[in-house]
C-alpha atoms as a PDB file:
ATOM      1  CA  MET A   1      -0.955 -14.485-100.808  1.00  0.00           C
ATOM      2  CA  LYS A   2       2.481 -12.660-100.657  1.00  0.00           C
ATOM      3  CA  ILE A   3       1.059  -9.763-102.325  1.00  0.00           C
ATOM      4  CA  VAL A   4      -1.704  -9.373 -99.761  1.00  0.00           C
ATOM      5  CA  LEU A   5       0.635  -9.908 -96.913  1.00  0.00           C
ATOM      6  CA  LEU A   6       2.956  -7.234 -98.410  1.00  0.00           C
ATOM      7  CA  ALA A   7       0.184  -4.787 -98.973  1.00  0.00           C
ATOM      8  CA  ALA A   8      -1.298  -5.296 -95.424  1.00  0.00           C
ATOM      9  CA  ILE A   9       2.396  -4.750 -93.906  1.00  0.00           C
ATOM     10  CA  ILE A  10       2.800  -1.454 -95.947  1.00  0.00           C
ATOM     11  CA  SER A  11      -0.450  -0.039 -95.173  1.00  0.00           C
ATOM     12  CA  LEU A  12      -0.126  -0.889 -91.358  1.00  0.00           C
ATOM     13  CA  THR A  13       3.404   0.617 -91.350  1.00  0.00           C
ATOM     14  CA  THR A  14       1.905   3.884 -93.056  1.00  0.00           C
ATOM     15  CA  ILE A  15      -0.766   4.077 -90.380  1.00  0.00           C
ATOM     16  CA  ILE A  16       1.696   3.692 -87.521  1.00  0.00           C
ATOM     17  CA  ILE A  17       4.073   6.342 -88.840  1.00  0.00           C
ATOM     18  CA  ALA A  18       1.413   8.804 -89.763  1.00  0.00           C
ATOM     19  CA  HIS A  19      -0.145   8.253 -86.170  1.00  0.00           C
ATOM     20  CA  ALA A  20       3.096   8.751 -84.459  1.00  0.00           C
ATOM     21  CA  GLY A  21       3.372  12.315 -85.669  1.00  0.00           C
ATOM     22  CA  TRP A  22       6.437  11.757 -87.963  1.00  0.00           C
ATOM     23  CA  PHE A  23       4.970  13.728 -90.680  1.00  0.00           C
ATOM     24  CA  SER A  24       2.979  16.334 -88.686  1.00  0.00           C
ATOM     25  CA  SER A  25       2.690  17.759 -85.231  1.00  0.00           C
ATOM     26  CA  ASP A  26       1.269  15.193 -82.750  1.00  0.00           C
ATOM     27  CA  ASN A  27       0.251  17.895 -80.170  1.00  0.00           C
ATOM     28  CA  TYR A  28      -0.195  21.635 -79.469  1.00  0.00           C
ATOM     29  CA  TRP A  29       3.373  22.084 -78.165  1.00  0.00           C
ATOM     30  CA  GLU A  30       4.982  20.273 -81.113  1.00  0.00           C
ATOM     31  CA  TYR A  31       2.899  22.534 -83.414  1.00  0.00           C
ATOM     32  CA  ILE A  32       4.329  25.549 -81.648  1.00  0.00           C
ATOM     33  CA  LEU A  33       7.912  24.333 -82.097  1.00  0.00           C
ATOM     34  CA  ASP A  34       7.294  23.412 -85.751  1.00  0.00           C
ATOM     35  CA  ASN A  35       5.644  26.853 -86.606  1.00  0.00           C
ATOM     36  CA  MET A  36       7.308  29.201 -84.402  1.00  0.00           C
ATOM     37  CA  GLN A  37      10.911  28.965 -85.895  1.00  0.00           C
ATOM     38  CA  ASN A  38      12.272  32.038 -87.604  1.00  0.00           C
ATOM     39  CA  ILE A  39       9.295  34.242 -86.545  1.00  0.00           C
ATOM     40  CA  GLN A  40      10.184  37.943 -86.973  1.00  0.00           C
ATOM     41  CA  SER A  41       7.224  39.893 -85.408  1.00  0.00           C
ATOM     42  CA  ASP A  42       4.826  39.611 -82.568  1.00  0.00           C
ATOM     43  CA  THR A  43       1.791  39.740 -84.876  1.00  0.00           C
ATOM     44  CA  ILE A  44       3.056  36.607 -86.654  1.00  0.00           C
ATOM     45  CA  ALA A  45       3.725  34.870 -83.431  1.00  0.00           C
ATOM     46  CA  LYS A  46       0.332  35.565 -82.253  1.00  0.00           C
ATOM     47  CA  GLU A  47      -1.283  34.145 -85.484  1.00  0.00           C
ATOM     48  CA  VAL A  48       0.698  31.112 -84.996  1.00  0.00           C
ATOM     49  CA  VAL A  49      -0.615  30.555 -81.409  1.00  0.00           C
ATOM     50  CA  SER A  50      -4.196  31.317 -82.643  1.00  0.00           C
ATOM     51  CA  SER A  51      -3.858  28.605 -85.253  1.00  0.00           C
ATOM     52  CA  CYS A  52      -2.433  26.102 -82.782  1.00  0.00           C
ATOM     53  CA  LYS A  53      -5.379  26.750 -80.431  1.00  0.00           C
ATOM     54  CA  ASP A  54      -7.697  26.072 -83.137  1.00  0.00           C
ATOM     55  CA  LYS A  55      -6.088  22.911 -84.223  1.00  0.00           C
ATOM     56  CA  PHE A  56      -5.723  21.378 -80.705  1.00  0.00           C
ATOM     57  CA  ALA A  57      -8.318  21.185 -77.838  1.00  0.00           C
ATOM     58  CA  PHE A  58      -7.416  22.650 -74.553  1.00  0.00           C
ATOM     59  CA  HIS A  59      -6.971  19.050 -73.102  1.00  0.00           C
ATOM     60  CA  ASP A  60      -4.058  18.519 -75.642  1.00  0.00           C
ATOM     61  CA  ARG A  61      -2.295  21.585 -74.213  1.00  0.00           C
ATOM     62  CA  ILE A  62      -2.230  20.366 -70.645  1.00  0.00           C
ATOM     63  CA  PHE A  63      -1.698  16.614 -70.731  1.00  0.00           C
ATOM     64  CA  VAL A  64       1.340  15.820 -72.704  1.00  0.00           C
ATOM     65  CA  GLU A  65       3.967  13.095 -72.140  1.00  0.00           C
ATOM     66  CA  LYS A  66       7.557  14.040 -71.832  1.00  0.00           C
ATOM     67  CA  LYS A  67       9.714  13.145 -74.779  1.00  0.00           C
ATOM     68  CA  ARG A  68      12.717  10.750 -74.529  1.00  0.00           C
ATOM     69  CA  PRO A  69      14.239  11.092 -78.110  1.00  0.00           C
ATOM     70  CA  TRP A  70      17.265   9.253 -79.521  1.00  0.00           C
ATOM     71  CA  PHE A  71      18.128  12.185 -81.703  1.00  0.00           C
ATOM     72  CA  GLY A  72      17.805  15.911 -81.266  1.00  0.00           C
ATOM     73  CA  PRO A  73      17.354  17.648 -78.040  1.00  0.00           C
ATOM     74  CA  LYS A  74      17.562  15.650 -74.804  1.00  0.00           C
ATOM     75  CA  THR A  75      16.465  18.391 -72.298  1.00  0.00           C
ATOM     76  CA  ALA A  76      14.281  21.375 -72.226  1.00  0.00           C
ATOM     77  CA  SER A  77      17.527  23.692 -72.215  1.00  0.00           C
ATOM     78  CA  ASP A  78      18.690  21.945 -75.345  1.00  0.00           C
ATOM     79  CA  CYS A  79      15.233  22.478 -77.054  1.00  0.00           C
ATOM     80  CA  VAL A  80      15.159  26.254 -76.232  1.00  0.00           C
ATOM     81  CA  LEU A  81      18.698  26.603 -77.754  1.00  0.00           C
ATOM     82  CA  LYS A  82      17.752  24.676 -80.890  1.00  0.00           C
ATOM     83  CA  TYR A  83      14.512  26.041 -81.595  1.00  0.00           C
ATOM     84  CA  GLY A  84      14.841  29.674 -80.200  1.00  0.00           C
ATOM     85  CA  LYS A  85      17.947  30.756 -82.034  1.00  0.00           C
ATOM     86  CA  GLN A  86      16.367  32.356 -85.036  1.00  0.00           C
ATOM     87  CA  VAL A  87      13.243  33.748 -83.254  1.00  0.00           C
ATOM     88  CA  GLN A  88      13.382  37.660 -83.050  1.00  0.00           C
ATOM     89  CA  THR A  89      10.190  38.245 -81.065  1.00  0.00           C
ATOM     90  CA  GLU A  90       9.768  37.902 -77.347  1.00  0.00           C
ATOM     91  CA  ILE A  91       6.284  36.212 -77.746  1.00  0.00           C
ATOM     92  CA  GLY A  92       7.854  33.553 -80.035  1.00  0.00           C
ATOM     93  CA  ALA A  93      10.746  33.014 -77.701  1.00  0.00           C
ATOM     94  CA  ARG A  94       8.431  32.733 -74.659  1.00  0.00           C
ATOM     95  CA  TYR A  95       6.157  30.126 -76.499  1.00  0.00           C
ATOM     96  CA  ILE A  96       9.125  28.124 -77.506  1.00  0.00           C
ATOM     97  CA  GLN A  97      10.469  28.054 -74.128  1.00  0.00           C
ATOM     98  CA  SER A  98       7.245  27.041 -72.765  1.00  0.00           C
ATOM     99  CA  ALA A  99       6.788  24.269 -75.326  1.00  0.00           C
ATOM    100  CA  CYS A 100      10.304  22.875 -74.552  1.00  0.00           C
ATOM    101  CA  TYR A 101       9.659  22.814 -70.827  1.00  0.00           C
ATOM    102  CA  LYS A 102       6.466  21.095 -71.707  1.00  0.00           C
ATOM    103  CA  LEU A 103       7.841  18.428 -73.882  1.00  0.00           C
ATOM    104  CA  TYR A 104      11.268  17.695 -72.493  1.00  0.00           C
ATOM    105  CA  PRO A 105      12.727  16.712 -69.208  1.00  0.00           C
ATOM    106  CA  ASN A 106      14.320  19.599 -67.155  1.00  0.00           C
ATOM    107  CA  ASN A 107      17.518  17.948 -66.579  1.00  0.00           C
END
């Protein structure tokens, strides 16, 4: 009985963690942030945006709940500074800025 209970708890925990986006991007804007870092050219930035659009529906780009994280950036400005430092393309920087302002509070 203990083994069955332990297996149920482990599988439930795994499902919850995977569903919460801990191991992958949970929405379009998180995917942009995860994949746009260190972009060196506009061509690559456009390919990242294209793959994001293929992976997430239009609805997922519009209706996104603001983050209230315990760790990491707390505001949109903090997010832009964190994720945009290594980007060397205007398109990449603009998408990172858009993602940050979509995901994080403005103040």
